[in-house]
């Protein structure tokens, strides 16, 4: 991946930071998890064009920000076992409920 700036159409997914200064090369997991969780079709096309499938799968498996719904969708689409995805691990789900029980 050679892109060092996010395209303007992706800035809306990074409302909590200055998206113009975000370098996807320096923070690939952050960019990938945010776009997997909230991105539309155009955002996902950009994601798959600019990141390897290996990076996307690793982020899916390791991320603590991926919801069960998103994890399920991407596990089916990318062919990743749910056993490898952190959000499906029982101990992780219990920790999440203890922090935010709603």
PDB file of N, CA and C in Angstrom:
ATOM      1  N   UNK A   1       0.845  -1.183   0.000  1.00  0.00           N
ATOM      2  CA  UNK A   1       0.000   0.000   0.000  1.00  0.00           C
ATOM      3  C   UNK A   1       0.887   1.242   0.000  1.00  0.00           C
ATOM      4  N   UNK A   2       0.624   2.168  -0.887  1.00  0.00           N
ATOM      5  CA  UNK A   2       1.428   3.381  -0.993  1.00  0.00           C
ATOM      6  C   UNK A   2       0.665   4.647  -0.596  1.00  0.00           C
ATOM      7  N   UNK A   3      -0.632   4.552  -0.416  1.00  0.00           N
ATOM      8  CA  UNK A   3      -1.431   5.732  -0.091  1.00  0.00           C
ATOM      9  C   UNK A   3      -1.070   6.233   1.316  1.00  0.00           C
ATOM     10  N   UNK A   4      -0.848   7.545   1.433  1.00  0.00           N
ATOM     11  CA  UNK A   4      -0.480   8.116   2.731  1.00  0.00           C
ATOM     12  C   UNK A   4      -1.559   9.029   3.294  1.00  0.00           C
ATOM     13  N   UNK A   5      -2.610   9.227   2.539  1.00  0.00           N
ATOM     14  CA  UNK A   5      -3.749  10.049   2.998  1.00  0.00           C
ATOM     15  C   UNK A   5      -5.053   9.332   2.679  1.00  0.00           C
ATOM     16  N   UNK A   6      -6.023   9.547   3.533  1.00  0.00           N
ATOM     17  CA  UNK A   6      -7.354   9.007   3.261  1.00  0.00           C
ATOM     18  C   UNK A   6      -8.050   9.869   2.220  1.00  0.00           C
ATOM     19  N   UNK A   7      -8.777   9.268   1.304  1.00  0.00           N
ATOM     20  CA  UNK A   7      -9.578  10.060   0.377  1.00  0.00           C
ATOM     21  C   UNK A   7     -10.663  10.816   1.162  1.00  0.00           C
ATOM     22  N   UNK A   8     -11.081  11.917   0.647  1.00  0.00           N
ATOM     23  CA  UNK A   8     -12.069  12.766   1.338  1.00  0.00           C
ATOM     24  C   UNK A   8     -13.364  12.016   1.622  1.00  0.00           C
ATOM     25  N   UNK A   9     -13.784  11.131   0.725  1.00  0.00           N
ATOM     26  CA  UNK A   9     -15.050  10.423   0.940  1.00  0.00           C
ATOM     27  C   UNK A   9     -15.016   9.480   2.157  1.00  0.00           C
ATOM     28  N   UNK A  10     -13.834   9.190   2.675  1.00  0.00           N
ATOM     29  CA  UNK A  10     -13.716   8.336   3.868  1.00  0.00           C
ATOM     30  C   UNK A  10     -13.633   9.129   5.169  1.00  0.00           C
ATOM     31  N   UNK A  11     -13.492  10.419   5.088  1.00  0.00           N
ATOM     32  CA  UNK A  11     -13.336  11.246   6.293  1.00  0.00           C
ATOM     33  C   UNK A  11     -14.519  11.114   7.247  1.00  0.00           C
ATOM     34  N   UNK A  12     -15.700  10.874   6.734  1.00  0.00           N
ATOM     35  CA  UNK A  12     -16.877  10.786   7.612  1.00  0.00           C
ATOM     36  C   UNK A  12     -16.811   9.603   8.579  1.00  0.00           C
ATOM     37  N   UNK A  13     -16.021   8.597   8.275  1.00  0.00           N
ATOM     38  CA  UNK A  13     -15.881   7.448   9.163  1.00  0.00           C
ATOM     39  C   UNK A  13     -14.881   7.703  10.293  1.00  0.00           C
ATOM     40  N   UNK A  14     -14.174   8.806  10.205  1.00  0.00           N
ATOM     41  CA  UNK A  14     -13.153   9.146  11.198  1.00  0.00           C
ATOM     42  C   UNK A  14     -13.471  10.513  11.803  1.00  0.00           C
ATOM     43  N   UNK A  15     -14.699  10.651  12.284  1.00  0.00           N
ATOM     44  CA  UNK A  15     -15.192  11.909  12.826  1.00  0.00           C
ATOM     45  C   UNK A  15     -14.483  12.326  14.111  1.00  0.00           C
ATOM     46  N   UNK A  16     -13.902  11.378  14.815  1.00  0.00           N
ATOM     47  CA  UNK A  16     -13.322  11.664  16.122  1.00  0.00           C
ATOM     48  C   UNK A  16     -11.864  12.110  16.066  1.00  0.00           C
ATOM     49  N   UNK A  17     -11.294  12.181  14.871  1.00  0.00           N
ATOM     50  CA  UNK A  17      -9.910  12.630  14.693  1.00  0.00           C
ATOM     51  C   UNK A  17      -9.852  13.569  13.491  1.00  0.00           C
ATOM     52  N   UNK A  18      -8.704  14.163  13.256  1.00  0.00           N
ATOM     53  CA  UNK A  18      -8.504  14.958  12.049  1.00  0.00           C
ATOM     54  C   UNK A  18      -8.138  13.981  10.928  1.00  0.00           C
ATOM     55  N   UNK A  19      -9.127  13.566  10.172  1.00  0.00           N
ATOM     56  CA  UNK A  19      -8.940  12.533   9.149  1.00  0.00           C
ATOM     57  C   UNK A  19      -7.973  12.969   8.051  1.00  0.00           C
ATOM     58  N   UNK A  20      -7.830  14.254   7.837  1.00  0.00           N
ATOM     59  CA  UNK A  20      -6.896  14.735   6.836  1.00  0.00           C
ATOM     60  C   UNK A  20      -5.445  14.453   7.183  1.00  0.00           C
ATOM     61  N   UNK A  21      -5.182  14.256   8.467  1.00  0.00           N
ATOM     62  CA  UNK A  21      -3.815  13.991   8.913  1.00  0.00           C
ATOM     63  C   UNK A  21      -3.535  12.500   9.132  1.00  0.00           C
ATOM     64  N   UNK A  22      -4.550  11.679   9.019  1.00  0.00           N
ATOM     65  CA  UNK A  22      -4.382  10.244   9.253  1.00  0.00           C
ATOM     66  C   UNK A  22      -3.634   9.590   8.090  1.00  0.00           C
ATOM     67  N   UNK A  23      -2.555   8.911   8.415  1.00  0.00           N
ATOM     68  CA  UNK A  23      -1.777   8.181   7.427  1.00  0.00           C
ATOM     69  C   UNK A  23      -2.138   6.695   7.552  1.00  0.00           C
ATOM     70  N   UNK A  24      -2.852   6.137   6.575  1.00  0.00           N
ATOM     71  CA  UNK A  24      -3.265   4.732   6.659  1.00  0.00           C
ATOM     72  C   UNK A  24      -2.097   3.754   6.751  1.00  0.00           C
ATOM     73  N   UNK A  25      -0.933   4.135   6.243  1.00  0.00           N
ATOM     74  CA  UNK A  25       0.237   3.263   6.327  1.00  0.00           C
ATOM     75  C   UNK A  25       0.739   3.131   7.754  1.00  0.00           C
ATOM     76  N   UNK A  26       0.603   4.183   8.530  1.00  0.00           N
ATOM     77  CA  UNK A  26       1.086   4.165   9.912  1.00  0.00           C
ATOM     78  C   UNK A  26       0.085   3.549  10.880  1.00  0.00           C
ATOM     79  N   UNK A  27      -1.191   3.605  10.549  1.00  0.00           N
ATOM     80  CA  UNK A  27      -2.251   3.077  11.427  1.00  0.00           C
ATOM     81  C   UNK A  27      -3.188   2.132  10.664  1.00  0.00           C
ATOM     82  N   UNK A  28      -2.663   1.079  10.052  1.00  0.00           N
ATOM     83  CA  UNK A  28      -3.512   0.228   9.206  1.00  0.00           C
ATOM     84  C   UNK A  28      -4.633  -0.481   9.968  1.00  0.00           C
ATOM     85  N   UNK A  29      -4.361  -0.979  11.171  1.00  0.00           N
ATOM     86  CA  UNK A  29      -5.411  -1.679  11.912  1.00  0.00           C
ATOM     87  C   UNK A  29      -6.566  -0.752  12.270  1.00  0.00           C
ATOM     88  N   UNK A  30      -6.243   0.463  12.653  1.00  0.00           N
ATOM     89  CA  UNK A  30      -7.279   1.439  12.991  1.00  0.00           C
ATOM     90  C   UNK A  30      -8.172   1.709  11.784  1.00  0.00           C
ATOM     91  N   UNK A  31      -7.561   1.939  10.643  1.00  0.00           N
ATOM     92  CA  UNK A  31      -8.312   2.237   9.416  1.00  0.00           C
ATOM     93  C   UNK A  31      -9.146   1.024   9.004  1.00  0.00           C
ATOM     94  N   UNK A  32      -8.546  -0.145   9.019  1.00  0.00           N
ATOM     95  CA  UNK A  32      -9.254  -1.356   8.593  1.00  0.00           C
ATOM     96  C   UNK A  32     -10.441  -1.651   9.504  1.00  0.00           C
ATOM     97  N   UNK A  33     -10.235  -1.629  10.809  1.00  0.00           N
ATOM     98  CA  UNK A  33     -11.351  -1.966  11.701  1.00  0.00           C
ATOM     99  C   UNK A  33     -12.482  -0.956  11.602  1.00  0.00           C
ATOM    100  N   UNK A  34     -12.155   0.309  11.442  1.00  0.00           N
ATOM    101  CA  UNK A  34     -13.198   1.329  11.327  1.00  0.00           C
ATOM    102  C   UNK A  34     -14.016   1.130  10.051  1.00  0.00           C
ATOM    103  N   UNK A  35     -13.342   0.830   8.944  1.00  0.00           N
ATOM    104  CA  UNK A  35     -14.056   0.656   7.679  1.00  0.00           C
ATOM    105  C   UNK A  35     -14.795  -0.679   7.623  1.00  0.00           C
ATOM    106  N   UNK A  36     -14.263  -1.721   8.244  1.00  0.00           N
ATOM    107  CA  UNK A  36     -15.005  -2.986   8.312  1.00  0.00           C
ATOM    108  C   UNK A  36     -16.289  -2.797   9.108  1.00  0.00           C
ATOM    109  N   UNK A  37     -16.195  -2.068  10.199  1.00  0.00           N
ATOM    110  CA  UNK A  37     -17.345  -1.878  11.093  1.00  0.00           C
ATOM    111  C   UNK A  37     -18.391  -0.918  10.522  1.00  0.00           C
ATOM    112  N   UNK A  38     -17.959   0.162   9.890  1.00  0.00           N
ATOM    113  CA  UNK A  38     -18.911   1.207   9.509  1.00  0.00           C
ATOM    114  C   UNK A  38     -18.960   1.555   8.031  1.00  0.00           C
ATOM    115  N   UNK A  39     -18.030   1.050   7.254  1.00  0.00           N
ATOM    116  CA  UNK A  39     -17.915   1.465   5.860  1.00  0.00           C
ATOM    117  C   UNK A  39     -19.035   0.978   4.965  1.00  0.00           C
ATOM    118  N   UNK A  40     -19.307   1.765   3.932  1.00  0.00           N
ATOM    119  CA  UNK A  40     -20.272   1.358   2.919  1.00  0.00           C
ATOM    120  C   UNK A  40     -19.535   0.599   1.811  1.00  0.00           C
ATOM    121  N   UNK A  41     -20.236   0.285   0.738  1.00  0.00           N
ATOM    122  CA  UNK A  41     -19.643  -0.508  -0.339  1.00  0.00           C
ATOM    123  C   UNK A  41     -18.432   0.185  -0.967  1.00  0.00           C
ATOM    124  N   UNK A  42     -18.527   1.477  -1.183  1.00  0.00           N
ATOM    125  CA  UNK A  42     -17.419   2.228  -1.771  1.00  0.00           C
ATOM    126  C   UNK A  42     -16.198   2.225  -0.843  1.00  0.00           C
ATOM    127  N   UNK A  43     -16.430   2.385   0.447  1.00  0.00           N
ATOM    128  CA  UNK A  43     -15.342   2.380   1.427  1.00  0.00           C
ATOM    129  C   UNK A  43     -14.661   1.014   1.473  1.00  0.00           C
ATOM    130  N   UNK A  44     -15.451  -0.049   1.398  1.00  0.00           N
ATOM    131  CA  UNK A  44     -14.891  -1.398   1.439  1.00  0.00           C
ATOM    132  C   UNK A  44     -14.097  -1.690   0.161  1.00  0.00           C
ATOM    133  N   UNK A  45     -14.571  -1.196  -0.972  1.00  0.00           N
ATOM    134  CA  UNK A  45     -13.797  -1.358  -2.211  1.00  0.00           C
ATOM    135  C   UNK A  45     -12.434  -0.688  -2.087  1.00  0.00           C
ATOM    136  N   UNK A  46     -12.408   0.526  -1.528  1.00  0.00           N
ATOM    137  CA  UNK A  46     -11.144   1.228  -1.316  1.00  0.00           C
ATOM    138  C   UNK A  46     -10.255   0.431  -0.357  1.00  0.00           C
ATOM    139  N   UNK A  47     -10.855  -0.075   0.706  1.00  0.00           N
ATOM    140  CA  UNK A  47     -10.128  -0.859   1.701  1.00  0.00           C
ATOM    141  C   UNK A  47      -9.468  -2.074   1.063  1.00  0.00           C
ATOM    142  N   UNK A  48     -10.220  -2.822   0.284  1.00  0.00           N
ATOM    143  CA  UNK A  48      -9.696  -4.051  -0.328  1.00  0.00           C
ATOM    144  C   UNK A  48      -8.665  -3.756  -1.416  1.00  0.00           C
ATOM    145  N   UNK A  49      -8.738  -2.588  -2.004  1.00  0.00           N
ATOM    146  CA  UNK A  49      -7.766  -2.196  -3.022  1.00  0.00           C
ATOM    147  C   UNK A  49      -6.436  -1.780  -2.381  1.00  0.00           C
ATOM    148  N   UNK A  50      -6.495  -1.182  -1.187  1.00  0.00           N
ATOM    149  CA  UNK A  50      -5.315  -0.589  -0.566  1.00  0.00           C
ATOM    150  C   UNK A  50      -4.679  -1.411   0.550  1.00  0.00           C
ATOM    151  N   UNK A  51      -5.343  -2.463   0.986  1.00  0.00           N
ATOM    152  CA  UNK A  51      -4.804  -3.341   2.013  1.00  0.00           C
ATOM    153  C   UNK A  51      -4.883  -4.779   1.527  1.00  0.00           C
ATOM    154  N   UNK A  52      -3.926  -5.575   1.924  1.00  0.00           N
ATOM    155  CA  UNK A  52      -3.932  -6.980   1.507  1.00  0.00           C
ATOM    156  C   UNK A  52      -5.024  -7.734   2.265  1.00  0.00           C
ATOM    157  N   UNK A  53      -5.448  -8.837   1.694  1.00  0.00           N
ATOM    158  CA  UNK A  53      -6.449  -9.665   2.356  1.00  0.00           C
ATOM    159  C   UNK A  53      -5.900 -10.198   3.678  1.00  0.00           C
ATOM    160  N   UNK A  54      -4.608 -10.465   3.705  1.00  0.00           N
ATOM    161  CA  UNK A  54      -3.967 -10.938   4.941  1.00  0.00           C
ATOM    162  C   UNK A  54      -4.087  -9.893   6.042  1.00  0.00           C
ATOM    163  N   UNK A  55      -3.824  -8.615   5.723  1.00  0.00           N
ATOM    164  CA  UNK A  55      -3.940  -7.547   6.727  1.00  0.00           C
ATOM    165  C   UNK A  55      -5.372  -7.424   7.224  1.00  0.00           C
ATOM    166  N   UNK A  56      -6.317  -7.521   6.304  1.00  0.00           N
ATOM    167  CA  UNK A  56      -7.732  -7.393   6.673  1.00  0.00           C
ATOM    168  C   UNK A  56      -8.143  -8.544   7.585  1.00  0.00           C
ATOM    169  N   UNK A  57      -7.761  -9.757   7.243  1.00  0.00           N
ATOM    170  CA  UNK A  57      -8.107 -10.922   8.068  1.00  0.00           C
ATOM    171  C   UNK A  57      -7.457 -10.842   9.451  1.00  0.00           C
ATOM    172  N   UNK A  58      -6.190 -10.432   9.505  1.00  0.00           N
ATOM    173  CA  UNK A  58      -5.504 -10.309  10.794  1.00  0.00           C
ATOM    174  C   UNK A  58      -6.189  -9.273  11.669  1.00  0.00           C
ATOM    175  N   UNK A  59      -6.570  -8.170  11.085  1.00  0.00           N
ATOM    176  CA  UNK A  59      -7.263  -7.125  11.849  1.00  0.00           C
ATOM    177  C   UNK A  59      -8.614  -7.620  12.332  1.00  0.00           C
ATOM    178  N   UNK A  60      -9.347  -8.317  11.481  1.00  0.00           N
ATOM    179  CA  UNK A  60     -10.639  -8.883  11.866  1.00  0.00           C
ATOM    180  C   UNK A  60     -10.481  -9.806  13.066  1.00  0.00           C
ATOM    181  N   UNK A  61      -9.470 -10.623  13.048  1.00  0.00           N
ATOM    182  CA  UNK A  61      -9.254 -11.595  14.134  1.00  0.00           C
ATOM    183  C   UNK A  61      -8.781 -10.940  15.431  1.00  0.00           C
ATOM    184  N   UNK A  62      -7.995  -9.891  15.347  1.00  0.00           N
ATOM    185  CA  UNK A  62      -7.358  -9.299  16.519  1.00  0.00           C
ATOM    186  C   UNK A  62      -8.107  -8.113  17.117  1.00  0.00           C
ATOM    187  N   UNK A  63      -8.988  -7.497  16.358  1.00  0.00           N
ATOM    188  CA  UNK A  63      -9.608  -6.247  16.796  1.00  0.00           C
ATOM    189  C   UNK A  63     -10.555  -6.428  17.977  1.00  0.00           C
ATOM    190  N   UNK A  64     -10.485  -5.485  18.883  1.00  0.00           N
ATOM    191  CA  UNK A  64     -11.414  -5.434  20.008  1.00  0.00           C
ATOM    192  C   UNK A  64     -12.591  -4.507  19.711  1.00  0.00           C
ATOM    193  N   UNK A  65     -12.601  -3.907  18.543  1.00  0.00           N
ATOM    194  CA  UNK A  65     -13.636  -2.948  18.176  1.00  0.00           C
ATOM    195  C   UNK A  65     -14.690  -3.526  17.237  1.00  0.00           C
ATOM    196  N   UNK A  66     -14.510  -4.750  16.793  1.00  0.00           N
ATOM    197  CA  UNK A  66     -15.438  -5.378  15.859  1.00  0.00           C
ATOM    198  C   UNK A  66     -16.627  -5.950  16.631  1.00  0.00           C
ATOM    199  N   UNK A  67     -17.836  -5.638  16.179  1.00  0.00           N
ATOM    200  CA  UNK A  67     -19.048  -6.146  16.826  1.00  0.00           C
ATOM    201  C   UNK A  67     -19.326  -7.574  16.369  1.00  0.00           C
ATOM    202  N   UNK A  68     -20.206  -8.270  17.088  1.00  0.00           N
ATOM    203  CA  UNK A  68     -20.587  -9.627  16.705  1.00  0.00           C
ATOM    204  C   UNK A  68     -21.210  -9.661  15.312  1.00  0.00           C
ATOM    205  N   UNK A  69     -22.053  -8.701  15.038  1.00  0.00           N
ATOM    206  CA  UNK A  69     -22.731  -8.635  13.735  1.00  0.00           C
ATOM    207  C   UNK A  69     -21.713  -8.456  12.605  1.00  0.00           C
ATOM    208  N   UNK A  70     -20.793  -7.534  12.789  1.00  0.00           N
ATOM    209  CA  UNK A  70     -19.760  -7.285  11.784  1.00  0.00           C
ATOM    210  C   UNK A  70     -18.819  -8.474  11.684  1.00  0.00           C
ATOM    211  N   UNK A  71     -18.431  -9.032  12.808  1.00  0.00           N
ATOM    212  CA  UNK A  71     -17.561 -10.198  12.809  1.00  0.00           C
ATOM    213  C   UNK A  71     -18.173 -11.366  12.062  1.00  0.00           C
ATOM    214  N   UNK A  72     -19.456 -11.587  12.264  1.00  0.00           N
ATOM    215  CA  UNK A  72     -20.152 -12.667  11.576  1.00  0.00           C
ATOM    216  C   UNK A  72     -20.169 -12.438  10.066  1.00  0.00           C
ATOM    217  N   UNK A  73     -20.500 -11.228   9.650  1.00  0.00           N
ATOM    218  CA  UNK A  73     -20.551 -10.897   8.224  1.00  0.00           C
ATOM    219  C   UNK A  73     -19.201 -11.134   7.564  1.00  0.00           C
ATOM    220  N   UNK A  74     -18.142 -10.558   8.139  1.00  0.00           N
ATOM    221  CA  UNK A  74     -16.819 -10.657   7.522  1.00  0.00           C
ATOM    222  C   UNK A  74     -16.227 -12.055   7.637  1.00  0.00           C
ATOM    223  N   UNK A  75     -16.579 -12.802   8.666  1.00  0.00           N
ATOM    224  CA  UNK A  75     -16.073 -14.173   8.750  1.00  0.00           C
ATOM    225  C   UNK A  75     -16.625 -15.004   7.596  1.00  0.00           C
ATOM    226  N   UNK A  76     -17.879 -14.795   7.258  1.00  0.00           N
ATOM    227  CA  UNK A  76     -18.481 -15.511   6.134  1.00  0.00           C
ATOM    228  C   UNK A  76     -17.898 -15.039   4.799  1.00  0.00           C
ATOM    229  N   UNK A  77     -17.751 -13.739   4.647  1.00  0.00           N
ATOM    230  CA  UNK A  77     -17.265 -13.186   3.382  1.00  0.00           C
ATOM    231  C   UNK A  77     -15.801 -13.525   3.121  1.00  0.00           C
ATOM    232  N   UNK A  78     -14.980 -13.493   4.158  1.00  0.00           N
ATOM    233  CA  UNK A  78     -13.549 -13.733   3.993  1.00  0.00           C
ATOM    234  C   UNK A  78     -13.130 -15.177   4.276  1.00  0.00           C
ATOM    235  N   UNK A  79     -14.074 -15.991   4.725  1.00  0.00           N
ATOM    236  CA  UNK A  79     -13.763 -17.386   5.004  1.00  0.00           C
ATOM    237  C   UNK A  79     -12.880 -17.578   6.218  1.00  0.00           C
ATOM    238  N   UNK A  80     -13.102 -16.772   7.256  1.00  0.00           N
ATOM    239  CA  UNK A  80     -12.317 -16.866   8.490  1.00  0.00           C
ATOM    240  C   UNK A  80     -13.177 -17.569   9.543  1.00  0.00           C
ATOM    241  N   UNK A  81     -12.609 -18.539  10.215  1.00  0.00           N
ATOM    242  CA  UNK A  81     -13.325 -19.256  11.260  1.00  0.00           C
ATOM    243  C   UNK A  81     -13.666 -18.313  12.418  1.00  0.00           C
ATOM    244  N   UNK A  82     -14.871 -18.429  12.925  1.00  0.00           N
ATOM    245  CA  UNK A  82     -15.283 -17.607  14.063  1.00  0.00           C
ATOM    246  C   UNK A  82     -14.438 -17.891  15.303  1.00  0.00           C
ATOM    247  N   UNK A  83     -13.846 -19.067  15.363  1.00  0.00           N
ATOM    248  CA  UNK A  83     -12.989 -19.422  16.495  1.00  0.00           C
ATOM    249  C   UNK A  83     -11.749 -18.537  16.553  1.00  0.00           C
ATOM    250  N   UNK A  84     -11.365 -17.968  15.422  1.00  0.00           N
ATOM    251  CA  UNK A  84     -10.173 -17.124  15.360  1.00  0.00           C
ATOM    252  C   UNK A  84     -10.473 -15.644  15.631  1.00  0.00           C
ATOM    253  N   UNK A  85     -11.748 -15.273  15.635  1.00  0.00           N
ATOM    254  CA  UNK A  85     -12.133 -13.863  15.769  1.00  0.00           C
ATOM    255  C   UNK A  85     -12.403 -13.537  17.232  1.00  0.00           C
ATOM    256  N   UNK A  86     -11.722 -12.523  17.720  1.00  0.00           N
ATOM    257  CA  UNK A  86     -11.756 -12.164  19.138  1.00  0.00           C
ATOM    258  C   UNK A  86     -13.169 -11.865  19.657  1.00  0.00           C
ATOM    259  N   UNK A  87     -14.004 -11.224  18.868  1.00  0.00           N
ATOM    260  CA  UNK A  87     -15.333 -10.848  19.374  1.00  0.00           C
ATOM    261  C   UNK A  87     -16.231 -12.060  19.631  1.00  0.00           C
ATOM    262  N   UNK A  88     -15.896 -13.228  19.096  1.00  0.00           N
ATOM    263  CA  UNK A  88     -16.680 -14.439  19.333  1.00  0.00           C
ATOM    264  C   UNK A  88     -16.170 -15.267  20.499  1.00  0.00           C
ATOM    265  N   UNK A  89     -15.041 -14.899  21.058  1.00  0.00           N
ATOM    266  CA  UNK A  89     -14.487 -15.641  22.185  1.00  0.00           C
ATOM    267  C   UNK A  89     -15.268 -15.316  23.444  1.00  0.00           C
ATOM    268  N   UNK A  90     -15.699 -16.341  24.147  1.00  0.00           N
ATOM    269  CA  UNK A  90     -16.573 -16.179  25.305  1.00  0.00           C
ATOM    270  C   UNK A  90     -15.996 -15.237  26.352  1.00  0.00           C
ATOM    271  N   UNK A  91     -14.725 -15.376  26.662  1.00  0.00           N
ATOM    272  CA  UNK A  91     -14.127 -14.518  27.687  1.00  0.00           C
ATOM    273  C   UNK A  91     -14.132 -13.056  27.265  1.00  0.00           C
ATOM    274  N   UNK A  92     -13.973 -12.788  25.997  1.00  0.00           N
ATOM    275  CA  UNK A  92     -13.999 -11.408  25.515  1.00  0.00           C
ATOM    276  C   UNK A  92     -15.404 -10.819  25.638  1.00  0.00           C
ATOM    277  N   UNK A  93     -16.427 -11.589  25.291  1.00  0.00           N
ATOM    278  CA  UNK A  93     -17.811 -11.100  25.387  1.00  0.00           C
ATOM    279  C   UNK A  93     -18.186 -10.814  26.832  1.00  0.00           C
ATOM    280  N   UNK A  94     -17.747 -11.650  27.758  1.00  0.00           N
ATOM    281  CA  UNK A  94     -18.053 -11.425  29.177  1.00  0.00           C
ATOM    282  C   UNK A  94     -17.367 -10.171  29.690  1.00  0.00           C
ATOM    283  N   UNK A  95     -16.146  -9.921  29.249  1.00  0.00           N
ATOM    284  CA  UNK A  95     -15.429  -8.713  29.643  1.00  0.00           C
ATOM    285  C   UNK A  95     -16.160  -7.489  29.129  1.00  0.00           C
ATOM    286  N   UNK A  96     -16.620  -7.526  27.899  1.00  0.00           N
ATOM    287  CA  UNK A  96     -17.348  -6.405  27.325  1.00  0.00           C
ATOM    288  C   UNK A  96     -18.616  -6.112  28.119  1.00  0.00           C
ATOM    289  N   UNK A  97     -19.364  -7.136  28.503  1.00  0.00           N
ATOM    290  CA  UNK A  97     -20.597  -6.933  29.267  1.00  0.00           C
ATOM    291  C   UNK A  97     -20.302  -6.363  30.650  1.00  0.00           C
ATOM    292  N   UNK A  98     -19.203  -6.773  31.252  1.00  0.00           N
ATOM    293  CA  UNK A  98     -18.852  -6.272  32.580  1.00  0.00           C
ATOM    294  C   UNK A  98     -18.544  -4.782  32.531  1.00  0.00           C
ATOM    295  N   UNK A  99     -17.962  -4.334  31.435  1.00  0.00           N
ATOM    296  CA  UNK A  99     -17.622  -2.925  31.285  1.00  0.00           C
ATOM    297  C   UNK A  99     -18.854  -2.103  30.936  1.00  0.00           C
ATOM    298  N   UNK A 100     -19.667  -2.614  30.023  1.00  0.00           N
ATOM    299  CA  UNK A 100     -20.879  -1.909  29.577  1.00  0.00           C
ATOM    300  C   UNK A 100     -22.016  -2.915  29.520  1.00  0.00           C
ATOM    301  N   UNK A 101     -22.805  -3.042  30.612  1.00  0.00           N
ATOM    302  CA  UNK A 101     -23.798  -4.109  30.703  1.00  0.00           C
ATOM    303  C   UNK A 101     -25.089  -3.850  29.937  1.00  0.00           C
ATOM    304  N   UNK A 102     -25.121  -2.994  28.957  1.00  0.00           N
ATOM    305  CA  UNK A 102     -26.366  -2.697  28.243  1.00  0.00           C
ATOM    306  C   UNK A 102     -26.374  -3.228  26.859  1.00  0.00           C
TER     307      UNK A 102
END
